[in-house]
């Protein structure tokens, strides 16, 4: 894949894109093992923990990652196939509120993530340079197909960092515990 240019994506996504430090497909592939390992390191009873009132639980954050990846990949597919229909935004808080995420096990989240990531990577590998460089309007912002791939990778980096800093802390034995802020 080519390096992204600043006009490939709106500034709102810069933090996500800047967090991608490896070739993007390598970073996506690495998470196939590191993300499940990270989730399995969290005790199941912490799944419904939220660090503050009104904040998402651990499971809600994890399932938000799945929803967002699915939506971003769909957008990339639409634009790659030269469908230039402007795509609406999605209300992430409504997705979380209506997703019943706290009813799920960590293993079911890992299983869905693995299938989703593998399918998306297979799709992304089919895109040629012309398709990767196509741009369309999503959430009233002009964005390239390739930028969506970076956003998927960076969005996961962002939320894993939030989970580590605001939800979890490790003791001396690398055991996860609730992080009371």
Protein backbone atom coordinates (compact mmCIF):
# COMPACT_ATOMS: atom_id res chain seq x y z
CA UNK A 1 0.00 0.00 0.00
CA UNK A 2 1.04 3.54 -0.63
CA UNK A 3 1.71 6.04 2.13
CA UNK A 4 -1.34 8.11 3.01
CA UNK A 5 -1.43 11.77 2.06
CA UNK A 6 -3.06 14.36 4.30
CA UNK A 7 -5.85 14.87 1.76
CA UNK A 8 -6.77 11.16 1.94
CA UNK A 9 -8.58 11.64 5.24
CA UNK A 10 -10.15 14.30 7.45
CA UNK A 11 -8.10 15.65 10.36
CA UNK A 12 -10.48 14.01 12.85
CA UNK A 13 -8.80 10.66 12.06
CA UNK A 14 -5.19 11.89 12.31
CA UNK A 15 -4.63 10.45 15.82
CA UNK A 16 -5.74 6.99 14.68
CA UNK A 17 -3.69 7.08 11.49
CA UNK A 18 -0.58 8.38 13.26
CA UNK A 19 -0.74 5.46 15.72
CA UNK A 20 -0.16 2.98 12.87
CA UNK A 21 3.61 2.53 13.04
CA UNK A 22 4.02 -0.63 10.95
CA UNK A 23 2.85 -1.30 7.39
CA UNK A 24 -0.91 -1.26 7.87
CA UNK A 25 -1.58 -4.81 6.69
CA UNK A 26 1.17 -6.08 9.02
CA UNK A 27 -0.42 -4.20 11.89
CA UNK A 28 -3.85 -5.63 11.10
CA UNK A 29 -2.36 -9.14 10.93
CA UNK A 30 -0.44 -8.74 14.20
CA UNK A 31 -3.67 -7.98 16.04
CA UNK A 32 -5.02 -11.40 15.02
CA UNK A 33 -2.88 -12.82 17.80
CA UNK A 34 -2.21 -9.86 20.12
CA UNK A 35 -5.83 -8.71 20.48
CA UNK A 36 -7.19 -12.13 21.55
CA UNK A 37 -4.23 -12.49 23.94
CA UNK A 38 -5.02 -9.06 25.40
CA UNK A 39 -8.73 -9.87 25.83
CA UNK A 40 -7.96 -13.27 27.40
CA UNK A 41 -5.73 -11.53 29.94
CA UNK A 42 -8.76 -9.66 31.30
CA UNK A 43 -10.70 -11.56 33.99
CA UNK A 44 -14.25 -12.27 32.77
CA UNK A 45 -15.75 -10.54 35.83
CA UNK A 46 -14.15 -7.28 34.64
CA UNK A 47 -16.18 -7.38 31.42
CA UNK A 48 -18.97 -5.25 32.81
CA UNK A 49 -16.66 -2.81 34.60
CA UNK A 50 -16.78 0.89 33.69
CA UNK A 51 -14.27 3.33 35.15
CA UNK A 52 -16.88 6.10 35.60
CA UNK A 53 -20.62 6.57 35.44
CA UNK A 54 -21.82 6.94 31.87
CA UNK A 55 -18.68 5.36 30.38
CA UNK A 56 -18.79 2.14 28.40
CA UNK A 57 -17.94 -1.16 30.01
CA UNK A 58 -14.93 -3.21 28.92
CA UNK A 59 -17.17 -5.46 26.79
CA UNK A 60 -18.91 -2.44 25.26
CA UNK A 61 -15.54 -0.99 24.23
CA UNK A 62 -14.50 -4.32 22.70
CA UNK A 63 -17.76 -4.70 20.78
CA UNK A 64 -17.58 -1.07 19.65
CA UNK A 65 -14.31 -2.03 17.96
CA UNK A 66 -16.14 -4.79 16.08
CA UNK A 67 -19.00 -2.52 15.02
CA UNK A 68 -16.66 0.25 13.87
CA UNK A 69 -14.41 -2.13 11.95
CA UNK A 70 -17.41 -3.62 10.17
CA UNK A 71 -18.73 -0.18 9.23
CA UNK A 72 -15.36 1.16 8.07
CA UNK A 73 -14.75 -1.97 5.95
CA UNK A 74 -18.21 -1.60 4.41
CA UNK A 75 -17.45 2.00 3.54
CA UNK A 76 -14.12 0.98 2.01
CA UNK A 77 -15.86 -1.70 -0.06
CA UNK A 78 -18.48 0.73 -1.35
CA UNK A 79 -15.91 3.30 -2.46
CA UNK A 80 -13.50 0.68 -3.83
CA UNK A 81 -16.32 -0.59 -6.04
CA UNK A 82 -16.80 2.98 -7.25
CA UNK A 83 -20.12 3.50 -5.49
CA UNK A 84 -19.87 7.19 -4.75
CA UNK A 85 -23.14 7.43 -2.86
CA UNK A 86 -22.52 9.57 0.21
CA UNK A 87 -22.64 7.38 3.31
CA UNK A 88 -24.27 8.50 6.53
CA UNK A 89 -22.53 8.55 9.86
CA UNK A 90 -23.39 6.05 12.56
CA UNK A 91 -24.28 6.87 16.13
CA UNK A 92 -21.79 4.84 18.16
CA UNK A 93 -23.58 5.40 21.48
CA UNK A 94 -26.81 3.97 20.03
CA UNK A 95 -24.91 0.97 18.68
CA UNK A 96 -23.46 0.34 22.14
CA UNK A 97 -26.76 0.95 23.95
CA UNK A 98 -28.56 -1.53 21.71
CA UNK A 99 -25.87 -4.16 21.28
CA UNK A 100 -26.40 -6.25 24.43
CA UNK A 101 -22.60 -6.47 24.63
CA UNK A 102 -22.48 -7.19 28.36
CA UNK A 103 -24.37 -10.44 27.74
CA UNK A 104 -21.48 -11.78 25.65
CA UNK A 105 -18.44 -13.73 26.74
CA UNK A 106 -14.94 -12.58 25.96
CA UNK A 107 -14.48 -15.75 23.89
CA UNK A 108 -17.46 -14.89 21.68
CA UNK A 109 -16.03 -11.41 21.12
CA UNK A 110 -12.64 -12.91 20.22
CA UNK A 111 -14.27 -15.38 17.84
CA UNK A 112 -16.18 -12.63 16.06
CA UNK A 113 -13.12 -10.38 15.91
CA UNK A 114 -10.99 -13.13 14.37
CA UNK A 115 -13.54 -13.93 11.66
CA UNK A 116 -14.18 -10.26 10.93
CA UNK A 117 -10.50 -9.30 10.76
CA UNK A 118 -9.61 -12.26 8.54
CA UNK A 119 -12.46 -11.46 6.14
CA UNK A 120 -11.57 -7.77 6.04
CA UNK A 121 -7.91 -8.48 5.38
CA UNK A 122 -8.84 -10.81 2.53
CA UNK A 123 -11.00 -8.03 1.08
CA UNK A 124 -8.36 -5.33 1.49
CA UNK A 125 -5.76 -7.48 -0.28
CA UNK A 126 -7.97 -7.53 -3.38
CA UNK A 127 -7.90 -3.74 -3.76
CA UNK A 128 -5.51 -2.38 -6.38
CA UNK A 129 -3.93 1.09 -6.28
CA UNK A 130 -6.79 2.67 -8.21
CA UNK A 131 -9.33 1.27 -5.76
CA UNK A 132 -7.23 2.17 -2.70
CA UNK A 133 -6.99 5.77 -3.88
CA UNK A 134 -10.70 6.22 -4.59
CA UNK A 135 -12.43 8.71 -2.34
CA UNK A 136 -15.99 9.18 -1.30
CA UNK A 137 -18.08 11.01 1.26
CA UNK A 138 -18.75 9.32 4.58
CA UNK A 139 -20.11 11.21 7.56
CA UNK A 140 -19.94 14.37 5.44
CA UNK A 141 -16.17 13.95 5.05
CA UNK A 142 -14.09 13.09 1.97
CA UNK A 143 -11.99 9.98 2.62
CA UNK A 144 -10.04 7.41 0.64
CA UNK A 145 -10.45 3.64 0.70
CA UNK A 146 -6.90 3.25 1.95
CA UNK A 147 -7.57 5.66 4.82
CA UNK A 148 -10.35 3.41 6.10
CA UNK A 149 -7.85 0.57 6.44
CA UNK A 150 -5.55 2.78 8.50
CA UNK A 151 -8.49 4.01 10.58
CA UNK A 152 -9.45 0.43 11.42
CA UNK A 153 -5.92 -0.30 12.65
CA UNK A 154 -5.54 3.00 14.49
CA UNK A 155 -8.99 2.89 16.07
CA UNK A 156 -8.09 -0.42 17.70
CA UNK A 157 -4.76 1.01 18.93
CA UNK A 158 -6.63 3.97 20.42
CA UNK A 159 -9.17 1.90 22.33
CA UNK A 160 -6.66 -0.68 23.53
CA UNK A 161 -4.66 2.21 24.97
CA UNK A 162 -7.77 3.56 26.70
CA UNK A 163 -8.56 0.12 28.10
CA UNK A 164 -5.04 -0.17 29.49
CA UNK A 165 -4.90 3.34 30.96
CA UNK A 166 -8.43 3.89 32.24
CA UNK A 167 -9.86 0.43 32.89
CA UNK A 168 -7.01 -1.91 33.72
CA UNK A 169 -3.81 -1.93 35.67
CA UNK A 170 -1.32 -4.73 36.05
CA UNK A 171 0.09 -5.93 39.33
CA UNK A 172 3.65 -7.19 39.72
CA UNK A 173 2.62 -10.58 38.31
CA UNK A 174 1.09 -9.02 35.14
CA UNK A 175 -2.40 -9.82 36.41
CA UNK A 176 -5.13 -7.40 35.29
CA UNK A 177 -7.06 -5.60 38.00
CA UNK A 178 -9.68 -2.90 38.01
CA UNK A 179 -8.14 0.52 37.61
CA UNK A 180 -9.95 2.96 39.84
CA UNK A 181 -9.39 6.46 38.51
